[in-house]
Protein backbone atom coordinates (compact mmCIF):
# COMPACT_ATOMS: atom_id res chain seq x y z
CA MET A 1 12.29 -0.77 0.88
CA SER A 2 11.11 0.20 -2.57
CA ILE A 3 10.97 3.78 -3.78
CA PHE A 4 8.71 5.28 -6.44
CA ARG A 5 9.25 8.79 -7.84
CA LEU A 6 7.12 10.82 -10.24
CA ASP A 7 8.28 14.25 -11.45
CA ALA A 8 6.30 17.02 -13.12
CA VAL A 9 7.86 20.26 -14.38
CA GLU A 10 6.77 23.16 -16.54
CA HIS A 11 6.98 22.20 -20.25
CA GLY A 12 8.17 18.68 -19.28
CA VAL A 13 6.92 15.25 -20.31
CA ILE A 14 4.53 15.61 -17.38
CA ASP A 15 3.67 19.32 -17.53
CA SER A 16 2.88 20.70 -14.08
CA ARG A 17 1.23 23.82 -15.51
CA TYR A 18 -1.89 21.74 -16.15
CA ILE A 19 -1.95 19.83 -12.85
CA GLN A 20 -3.63 21.55 -9.92
CA SER A 21 -3.97 18.43 -7.74
CA VAL A 22 -3.63 14.66 -7.83
CA ASP A 23 -5.45 11.70 -6.36
CA ILE A 24 -3.06 8.88 -5.45
CA THR A 25 -4.36 5.29 -5.49
CA ILE A 26 -2.19 2.54 -4.01
CA THR A 27 -3.13 -1.14 -4.34
CA ASN A 28 -1.41 -4.06 -2.63
CA ALA A 29 -1.39 -6.93 -5.12
CA GLY A 30 1.00 -9.05 -3.05
CA PRO A 31 1.04 -11.40 -0.06
CA ASP A 32 2.41 -8.94 2.52
CA PRO A 33 0.90 -5.81 4.06
CA PHE A 34 3.06 -2.69 3.86
CA ASP A 35 3.26 0.97 4.81
CA VAL A 36 3.86 3.83 2.38
CA LEU A 37 5.45 7.14 3.27
CA ILE A 38 4.41 9.78 0.74
CA HIS A 39 6.28 13.05 0.30
CA GLY A 40 5.32 15.80 -2.12
CA TYR A 41 8.04 18.29 -3.01
CA ASN A 42 7.72 21.58 -4.90
CA PRO A 43 10.23 24.42 -5.51
CA TYR A 44 9.56 25.70 -1.98
CA GLY A 45 10.21 22.40 -0.18
CA VAL A 46 7.98 19.67 1.22
CA TYR A 47 4.29 20.44 0.64
CA TYR A 48 2.73 17.09 1.53
CA VAL A 49 3.58 14.25 3.96
CA SER A 50 1.49 11.17 4.67
CA LEU A 51 2.01 7.68 6.08
CA THR A 52 -0.50 5.06 5.07
CA HIS A 53 -0.95 1.32 5.66
CA VAL A 54 -1.99 -0.91 2.75
CA GLY A 55 -3.27 -4.34 3.73
CA VAL A 56 -3.14 -7.45 1.56
CA GLY A 57 -5.52 -7.00 -1.38
CA ALA A 58 -6.45 -3.50 -0.21
CA THR A 59 -6.66 -0.26 -2.14
CA VAL A 60 -6.06 3.09 -0.47
CA VAL A 61 -6.98 6.42 -2.08
CA ILE A 62 -5.33 9.67 -1.02
CA PRO A 63 -7.51 12.39 -2.59
CA GLU A 64 -6.78 15.98 -3.55
CA VAL A 65 -3.05 16.33 -2.99
CA ALA A 66 -2.80 19.93 -4.21
CA ASN A 67 0.31 21.26 -5.95
CA HIS A 68 -1.34 24.43 -7.36
CA ASN A 69 0.15 24.08 -10.86
CA LEU A 70 3.74 24.20 -9.54
CA SER A 71 6.53 21.80 -10.50
CA PHE A 72 6.45 18.84 -8.12
CA SER A 73 7.89 15.45 -7.26
CA LEU A 74 5.99 12.67 -5.56
CA LEU A 75 8.13 10.26 -3.60
CA LEU A 76 6.53 7.07 -2.26
CA VAL A 77 8.64 4.82 -0.04
CA THR A 78 7.38 1.39 1.06
CA ASN A 79 8.70 -0.85 3.81
CA ILE A 80 8.87 -3.94 1.56
CA ASN A 81 11.92 -4.85 -0.52
CA TYR A 82 10.20 -5.36 -3.86
CA SER A 83 8.03 -3.18 -6.07
CA HIS A 84 6.13 -5.73 -8.17
CA SER A 85 3.15 -5.93 -5.81
CA THR A 86 2.71 -2.18 -5.33
CA VAL A 87 0.32 -0.74 -7.91
CA ILE A 88 0.20 3.05 -8.00
CA THR A 89 -2.16 5.20 -10.04
CA VAL A 90 -2.08 8.99 -10.01
CA HIS A 91 -5.09 10.86 -11.37
CA ALA A 92 -3.97 14.38 -12.30
CA LYS A 93 -6.65 17.06 -12.23
CA ASN A 94 -6.99 20.69 -13.22
CA GLN A 95 -9.98 22.59 -11.83
CA ARG A 96 -11.33 19.22 -10.62
CA GLN A 97 -11.33 17.80 -14.15
CA LEU A 98 -9.23 14.74 -14.96
CA VAL A 99 -6.38 15.70 -17.33
CA ALA A 100 -4.07 12.66 -17.13
CA VAL A 101 -3.56 9.27 -15.49
CA PHE A 102 -0.11 7.99 -14.53
CA SER A 103 0.83 4.53 -13.27
CA ASN A 104 3.88 2.42 -12.39
CA PRO A 105 5.58 2.74 -15.81
CA ASN A 106 5.62 6.54 -15.36
CA PHE A 107 7.53 6.30 -12.06
CA SER A 108 11.25 5.92 -11.51
CA ILE A 109 11.50 2.83 -9.28
CA ILE A 110 14.35 1.83 -6.98
CA GLU A 111 14.34 -1.45 -5.07
């Protein structure tokens, strides 16, 4: 499995005070289909859980994952043993306006 983690905290490099929700885009740029388990954590515990399938060459969009300007961590776990073919883009929004875009280099990645 490969694991991707993105953290946002108040006054941090990614400042959660300005992020009300995120859209998560996952693209499979590799030869194998995979599943992705997505967990969203905030100071009160798990606030979002989703399991999604991403076929070969497919792009899946998970819209409007709301964190309500709280500190949060997104944890994405795939069922493939490499990360190079998983392309993740997170569009951060505040009051439905785009405020930032994060991608693979912004994530901590464990293979």
